[in-house]
Amino acid sequence: MVKLTNRTTIYLFTILALIMWAGLVIFTRYVPPQDFIDFVGFFLLLGIALVSTFAPVAYVIGLRFISSRLYRATMRHALRQSVLLTLCIVLNLILLALRSWNIITAIIIFAAAIIIEVVSLARK
């Protein structure tokens, strides 16, 4: 198994983010949203682009600004946090596309993400 350093992982996520954002721009330019698979492809590209964008940002913020002996910034924590934030955003956008979004569901989705993060941090 290949062991990647945090710096290498940040570079890989940055390159993946650029590729995914470019793919999302090309996808939205050339594919009209007419079928269910088009929406699935859009939200899949958006999800990967958001995760690969938020992971390095969360790692750098955790490394620079959160200095505690209880919380040590690792790429695994940053990836988990970016996946949770991406799920919140994508689920709200899916509900908005289905015309089922309201502020109560948004609050419930964000509260569930906060509870998952607190439970995963308390597990340590």
N, C-alpha and C. Protein backbone atom coordinates (compact mmCIF):
# COMPACT_ATOMS: atom_id res chain seq x y z
N MET A 1 0.84 -1.18 0.00
CA MET A 1 0.00 0.00 0.00
C MET A 1 0.89 1.24 0.00
N VAL A 2 0.54 2.20 -0.80
CA VAL A 2 1.32 3.42 -0.93
C VAL A 2 0.91 4.39 0.17
N LYS A 3 1.88 4.91 0.87
CA LYS A 3 1.62 5.89 1.93
C LYS A 3 1.89 7.28 1.37
N LEU A 4 0.88 8.11 1.36
CA LEU A 4 1.00 9.47 0.84
C LEU A 4 1.18 10.44 1.99
N THR A 5 2.03 11.42 1.78
CA THR A 5 2.18 12.46 2.78
C THR A 5 1.01 13.44 2.65
N ASN A 6 0.84 14.29 3.64
CA ASN A 6 -0.25 15.26 3.61
C ASN A 6 -0.06 16.25 2.47
N ARG A 7 1.18 16.64 2.22
CA ARG A 7 1.45 17.59 1.13
C ARG A 7 1.10 16.98 -0.23
N THR A 8 1.45 15.73 -0.44
CA THR A 8 1.12 15.06 -1.69
C THR A 8 -0.39 14.93 -1.85
N THR A 9 -1.06 14.61 -0.76
CA THR A 9 -2.52 14.48 -0.81
C THR A 9 -3.18 15.82 -1.13
N ILE A 10 -2.66 16.89 -0.56
CA ILE A 10 -3.20 18.21 -0.88
C ILE A 10 -3.01 18.53 -2.35
N TYR A 11 -1.85 18.23 -2.89
CA TYR A 11 -1.61 18.48 -4.31
C TYR A 11 -2.52 17.63 -5.19
N LEU A 12 -2.72 16.37 -4.82
CA LEU A 12 -3.61 15.51 -5.60
C LEU A 12 -5.05 16.00 -5.56
N PHE A 13 -5.50 16.42 -4.37
CA PHE A 13 -6.87 16.95 -4.27
C PHE A 13 -7.02 18.25 -5.06
N THR A 14 -5.98 19.08 -5.08
CA THR A 14 -6.05 20.33 -5.84
C THR A 14 -6.14 20.05 -7.34
N ILE A 15 -5.34 19.11 -7.82
CA ILE A 15 -5.40 18.75 -9.23
C ILE A 15 -6.75 18.12 -9.57
N LEU A 16 -7.24 17.24 -8.68
CA LEU A 16 -8.55 16.62 -8.90
C LEU A 16 -9.65 17.68 -8.89
N ALA A 17 -9.55 18.67 -8.02
CA ALA A 17 -10.56 19.73 -7.96
C ALA A 17 -10.58 20.51 -9.27
N LEU A 18 -9.41 20.86 -9.78
CA LEU A 18 -9.37 21.59 -11.05
C LEU A 18 -9.97 20.78 -12.19
N ILE A 19 -9.65 19.50 -12.23
CA ILE A 19 -10.19 18.64 -13.29
C ILE A 19 -11.71 18.50 -13.16
N MET A 20 -12.19 18.32 -11.94
CA MET A 20 -13.63 18.14 -11.74
C MET A 20 -14.41 19.43 -12.02
N TRP A 21 -13.87 20.58 -11.63
CA TRP A 21 -14.56 21.84 -11.93
C TRP A 21 -14.59 22.08 -13.44
N ALA A 22 -13.49 21.76 -14.12
CA ALA A 22 -13.48 21.89 -15.58
C ALA A 22 -14.48 20.92 -16.21
N GLY A 23 -14.53 19.70 -15.68
CA GLY A 23 -15.51 18.73 -16.17
C GLY A 23 -16.94 19.17 -15.92
N LEU A 24 -17.18 19.80 -14.80
CA LEU A 24 -18.52 20.28 -14.49
C LEU A 24 -18.92 21.42 -15.42
N VAL A 25 -17.98 22.31 -15.71
CA VAL A 25 -18.26 23.40 -16.65
C VAL A 25 -18.56 22.84 -18.04
N ILE A 26 -17.76 21.89 -18.49
CA ILE A 26 -17.99 21.29 -19.81
C ILE A 26 -19.31 20.52 -19.82
N PHE A 27 -19.60 19.80 -18.74
CA PHE A 27 -20.84 19.03 -18.66
C PHE A 27 -22.05 19.95 -18.73
N THR A 28 -22.03 21.05 -17.97
CA THR A 28 -23.18 21.96 -17.98
C THR A 28 -23.30 22.72 -19.29
N ARG A 29 -22.20 22.86 -20.00
CA ARG A 29 -22.24 23.56 -21.29
C ARG A 29 -22.83 22.70 -22.40
N TYR A 30 -22.49 21.41 -22.40
CA TYR A 30 -22.84 20.57 -23.55
C TYR A 30 -23.94 19.55 -23.30
N VAL A 31 -24.35 19.34 -22.06
CA VAL A 31 -25.38 18.34 -21.78
C VAL A 31 -26.62 19.04 -21.25
N PRO A 32 -27.71 19.02 -22.00
CA PRO A 32 -28.94 19.64 -21.48
C PRO A 32 -29.57 18.75 -20.41
N PRO A 33 -30.11 19.35 -19.36
CA PRO A 33 -30.69 18.56 -18.26
C PRO A 33 -32.09 18.05 -18.61
N GLN A 34 -32.14 16.97 -19.39
CA GLN A 34 -33.44 16.46 -19.82
C GLN A 34 -33.79 15.12 -19.18
N ASP A 35 -32.80 14.39 -18.74
CA ASP A 35 -33.04 13.04 -18.25
C ASP A 35 -32.54 12.90 -16.82
N PHE A 36 -32.97 11.85 -16.16
CA PHE A 36 -32.57 11.60 -14.78
C PHE A 36 -31.06 11.37 -14.68
N ILE A 37 -30.49 10.68 -15.65
CA ILE A 37 -29.06 10.39 -15.61
C ILE A 37 -28.24 11.67 -15.76
N ASP A 38 -28.78 12.68 -16.42
CA ASP A 38 -28.09 13.97 -16.52
C ASP A 38 -27.98 14.64 -15.15
N PHE A 39 -29.06 14.57 -14.38
CA PHE A 39 -29.04 15.14 -13.03
C PHE A 39 -28.09 14.36 -12.12
N VAL A 40 -28.09 13.04 -12.25
CA VAL A 40 -27.17 12.21 -11.45
C VAL A 40 -25.73 12.55 -11.79
N GLY A 41 -25.43 12.67 -13.08
CA GLY A 41 -24.08 13.02 -13.50
C GLY A 41 -23.66 14.39 -13.00
N PHE A 42 -24.57 15.35 -13.06
CA PHE A 42 -24.27 16.69 -12.57
C PHE A 42 -23.95 16.69 -11.09
N PHE A 43 -24.81 16.05 -10.29
CA PHE A 43 -24.60 16.06 -8.85
C PHE A 43 -23.40 15.22 -8.45
N LEU A 44 -23.08 14.19 -9.21
CA LEU A 44 -21.88 13.40 -8.94
C LEU A 44 -20.63 14.23 -9.21
N LEU A 45 -20.58 14.91 -10.35
CA LEU A 45 -19.45 15.79 -10.65
C LEU A 45 -19.33 16.92 -9.62
N LEU A 46 -20.46 17.49 -9.27
CA LEU A 46 -20.46 18.56 -8.28
C LEU A 46 -19.96 18.06 -6.92
N GLY A 47 -20.40 16.88 -6.52
CA GLY A 47 -19.98 16.32 -5.24
C GLY A 47 -18.48 16.06 -5.19
N ILE A 48 -17.94 15.47 -6.24
CA ILE A 48 -16.50 15.20 -6.26
C ILE A 48 -15.72 16.51 -6.31
N ALA A 49 -16.20 17.47 -7.06
CA ALA A 49 -15.52 18.77 -7.14
C ALA A 49 -15.54 19.48 -5.78
N LEU A 50 -16.65 19.41 -5.09
CA LEU A 50 -16.73 20.06 -3.77
C LEU A 50 -15.85 19.37 -2.73
N VAL A 51 -15.86 18.03 -2.72
CA VAL A 51 -15.02 17.31 -1.76
C VAL A 51 -13.55 17.60 -2.01
N SER A 52 -13.15 17.56 -3.27
CA SER A 52 -11.74 17.79 -3.57
C SER A 52 -11.34 19.25 -3.39
N THR A 53 -12.29 20.15 -3.33
CA THR A 53 -12.00 21.55 -3.04
C THR A 53 -11.96 21.80 -1.54
N PHE A 54 -12.93 21.24 -0.81
CA PHE A 54 -13.03 21.50 0.62
C PHE A 54 -11.98 20.77 1.45
N ALA A 55 -11.51 19.61 1.01
CA ALA A 55 -10.57 18.83 1.82
C ALA A 55 -9.26 19.57 2.09
N PRO A 56 -8.58 20.12 1.07
CA PRO A 56 -7.35 20.87 1.39
C PRO A 56 -7.63 22.13 2.21
N VAL A 57 -8.75 22.78 1.94
CA VAL A 57 -9.10 23.99 2.69
C VAL A 57 -9.34 23.65 4.16
N ALA A 58 -10.07 22.57 4.42
CA ALA A 58 -10.34 22.16 5.80
C ALA A 58 -9.06 21.74 6.50
N TYR A 59 -8.15 21.09 5.79
CA TYR A 59 -6.88 20.69 6.40
C TYR A 59 -6.04 21.90 6.77
N VAL A 60 -5.95 22.86 5.86
CA VAL A 60 -5.14 24.05 6.14
C VAL A 60 -5.76 24.87 7.27
N ILE A 61 -7.06 25.03 7.28
CA ILE A 61 -7.72 25.77 8.37
C ILE A 61 -7.52 25.05 9.69
N GLY A 62 -7.67 23.74 9.70
CA GLY A 62 -7.47 22.99 10.93
C GLY A 62 -6.02 23.03 11.41
N LEU A 63 -5.11 23.05 10.48
CA LEU A 63 -3.69 23.07 10.83
C LEU A 63 -3.26 24.43 11.35
N ARG A 64 -3.74 25.49 10.73
CA ARG A 64 -3.28 26.84 11.08
C ARG A 64 -4.05 27.49 12.22
N PHE A 65 -5.36 27.29 12.26
CA PHE A 65 -6.17 28.08 13.18
C PHE A 65 -6.69 27.32 14.39
N ILE A 66 -6.75 26.02 14.33
CA ILE A 66 -7.25 25.25 15.47
C ILE A 66 -6.05 24.56 16.11
N SER A 67 -5.54 25.18 17.13
CA SER A 67 -4.39 24.60 17.82
C SER A 67 -4.85 24.14 19.20
N SER A 68 -5.06 22.87 19.32
CA SER A 68 -5.51 22.29 20.57
C SER A 68 -4.84 20.93 20.72
N ARG A 69 -4.63 20.53 21.94
CA ARG A 69 -4.03 19.22 22.11
C ARG A 69 -5.08 18.12 21.92
N LEU A 70 -6.36 18.48 21.94
CA LEU A 70 -7.42 17.51 21.71
C LEU A 70 -7.70 17.28 20.23
N TYR A 71 -7.43 18.28 19.41
CA TYR A 71 -7.72 18.17 17.99
C TYR A 71 -6.42 18.33 17.21
N ARG A 72 -6.03 17.27 16.53
CA ARG A 72 -4.86 17.33 15.67
C ARG A 72 -5.33 17.20 14.24
N ALA A 73 -4.97 18.17 13.43
CA ALA A 73 -5.45 18.19 12.05
C ALA A 73 -4.78 17.09 11.25
N THR A 74 -5.60 16.21 10.68
CA THR A 74 -5.10 15.19 9.77
C THR A 74 -5.91 15.27 8.49
N MET A 75 -5.36 14.68 7.46
CA MET A 75 -6.07 14.70 6.18
C MET A 75 -7.35 13.86 6.26
N ARG A 76 -7.36 12.84 7.10
CA ARG A 76 -8.56 12.02 7.27
C ARG A 76 -9.70 12.84 7.88
N HIS A 77 -9.39 13.65 8.89
CA HIS A 77 -10.41 14.52 9.49
C HIS A 77 -10.91 15.54 8.46
N ALA A 78 -9.97 16.11 7.72
CA ALA A 78 -10.35 17.11 6.72
C ALA A 78 -11.22 16.49 5.63
N LEU A 79 -10.91 15.27 5.24
CA LEU A 79 -11.71 14.59 4.23
C LEU A 79 -13.12 14.30 4.76
N ARG A 80 -13.21 13.85 6.00
CA ARG A 80 -14.53 13.60 6.60
C ARG A 80 -15.35 14.88 6.68
N GLN A 81 -14.71 15.97 7.11
CA GLN A 81 -15.43 17.24 7.20
C GLN A 81 -15.86 17.74 5.83
N SER A 82 -15.02 17.56 4.83
CA SER A 82 -15.39 18.01 3.49
C SER A 82 -16.51 17.15 2.91
N VAL A 83 -16.51 15.86 3.21
CA VAL A 83 -17.60 15.01 2.74
C VAL A 83 -18.91 15.40 3.41
N LEU A 84 -18.88 15.70 4.70
CA LEU A 84 -20.10 16.11 5.40
C LEU A 84 -20.64 17.44 4.85
N LEU A 85 -19.75 18.39 4.63
CA LEU A 85 -20.18 19.67 4.08
C LEU A 85 -20.72 19.51 2.66
N THR A 86 -20.06 18.68 1.88
CA THR A 86 -20.52 18.42 0.51
C THR A 86 -21.88 17.75 0.51
N LEU A 87 -22.08 16.78 1.39
CA LEU A 87 -23.39 16.13 1.48
C LEU A 87 -24.48 17.12 1.85
N CYS A 88 -24.18 18.02 2.77
CA CYS A 88 -25.17 19.05 3.13
C CYS A 88 -25.53 19.90 1.91
N ILE A 89 -24.53 20.34 1.19
CA ILE A 89 -24.77 21.21 0.03
C ILE A 89 -25.52 20.46 -1.06
N VAL A 90 -25.05 19.26 -1.38
CA VAL A 90 -25.66 18.50 -2.49
C VAL A 90 -27.08 18.07 -2.13
N LEU A 91 -27.31 17.63 -0.90
CA LEU A 91 -28.68 17.26 -0.52
C LEU A 91 -29.63 18.45 -0.57
N ASN A 92 -29.17 19.62 -0.14
CA ASN A 92 -30.02 20.81 -0.25
C ASN A 92 -30.27 21.17 -1.71
N LEU A 93 -29.27 21.04 -2.57
CA LEU A 93 -29.47 21.34 -3.98
C LEU A 93 -30.39 20.33 -4.66
N ILE A 94 -30.29 19.06 -4.26
CA ILE A 94 -31.21 18.05 -4.82
C ILE A 94 -32.64 18.37 -4.41
N LEU A 95 -32.83 18.70 -3.15
CA LEU A 95 -34.18 19.07 -2.71
C LEU A 95 -34.68 20.33 -3.42
N LEU A 96 -33.77 21.26 -3.67
CA LEU A 96 -34.16 22.47 -4.39
C LEU A 96 -34.54 22.15 -5.83
N ALA A 97 -33.80 21.24 -6.47
CA ALA A 97 -34.12 20.85 -7.84
C ALA A 97 -35.45 20.10 -7.92
N LEU A 98 -35.80 19.38 -6.87
CA LEU A 98 -37.07 18.66 -6.83
C LEU A 98 -38.22 19.51 -6.33
N ARG A 99 -37.93 20.78 -6.06
CA ARG A 99 -38.91 21.73 -5.53
C ARG A 99 -39.47 21.27 -4.18
N SER A 100 -38.61 20.63 -3.37
CA SER A 100 -39.03 20.15 -2.05
C SER A 100 -38.24 20.81 -0.93
N TRP A 101 -37.45 21.81 -1.24
CA TRP A 101 -36.59 22.43 -0.25
C TRP A 101 -37.35 23.44 0.57
N ASN A 102 -37.09 23.44 1.86
CA ASN A 102 -37.52 24.53 2.73
C ASN A 102 -36.49 24.69 3.84
N ILE A 103 -36.61 25.70 4.61
CA ILE A 103 -35.59 26.03 5.61
C ILE A 103 -35.52 24.97 6.71
N ILE A 104 -36.63 24.32 7.00
CA ILE A 104 -36.64 23.29 8.04
C ILE A 104 -35.79 22.09 7.62
N THR A 105 -35.93 21.66 6.37
CA THR A 105 -35.12 20.53 5.92
C THR A 105 -33.64 20.91 5.87
N ALA A 106 -33.34 22.15 5.53
CA ALA A 106 -31.94 22.59 5.51
C ALA A 106 -31.35 22.57 6.92
N ILE A 107 -32.11 23.03 7.89
CA ILE A 107 -31.65 23.03 9.27
C ILE A 107 -31.46 21.59 9.77
N ILE A 108 -32.38 20.70 9.40
CA ILE A 108 -32.26 19.30 9.82
C ILE A 108 -31.03 18.64 9.20
N ILE A 109 -30.76 18.92 7.93
CA ILE A 109 -29.58 18.35 7.26
C ILE A 109 -28.30 18.85 7.91
N PHE A 110 -28.21 20.14 8.17
CA PHE A 110 -27.01 20.68 8.80
C PHE A 110 -26.87 20.21 10.25
N ALA A 111 -27.98 20.06 10.97
CA ALA A 111 -27.92 19.55 12.34
C ALA A 111 -27.45 18.10 12.35
N ALA A 112 -27.89 17.30 11.40
CA ALA A 112 -27.42 15.91 11.31
C ALA A 112 -25.93 15.86 11.03
N ALA A 113 -25.44 16.74 10.16
CA ALA A 113 -24.00 16.78 9.87
C ALA A 113 -23.20 17.19 11.10
N ILE A 114 -23.72 18.14 11.86
CA ILE A 114 -23.03 18.57 13.08
C ILE A 114 -23.02 17.45 14.11
N ILE A 115 -24.11 16.72 14.24
CA ILE A 115 -24.17 15.61 15.18
C ILE A 115 -23.19 14.51 14.77
N ILE A 116 -23.13 14.20 13.49
CA ILE A 116 -22.18 13.19 13.01
C ILE A 116 -20.74 13.61 13.30
N GLU A 117 -20.42 14.88 13.10
CA GLU A 117 -19.07 15.38 13.37
C GLU A 117 -18.74 15.32 14.86
N VAL A 118 -19.68 15.71 15.70
CA VAL A 118 -19.45 15.67 17.15
C VAL A 118 -19.28 14.24 17.63
N VAL A 119 -20.09 13.33 17.13
CA VAL A 119 -19.97 11.94 17.53
C VAL A 119 -18.64 11.35 17.06
N SER A 120 -18.22 11.68 15.86
CA SER A 120 -16.96 11.14 15.37
C SER A 120 -15.77 11.74 16.12
N LEU A 121 -15.85 13.00 16.55
CA LEU A 121 -14.79 13.57 17.36
C LEU A 121 -14.81 13.03 18.79
N ALA A 122 -15.98 12.71 19.31
CA ALA A 122 -16.08 12.18 20.67
C ALA A 122 -15.63 10.73 20.75
N ARG A 123 -15.60 10.05 19.62
CA ARG A 123 -15.18 8.66 19.59
C ARG A 123 -13.71 8.49 19.92
N LYS A 124 -12.94 9.55 19.74
CA LYS A 124 -11.50 9.47 19.99
C LYS A 124 -11.20 9.13 21.39
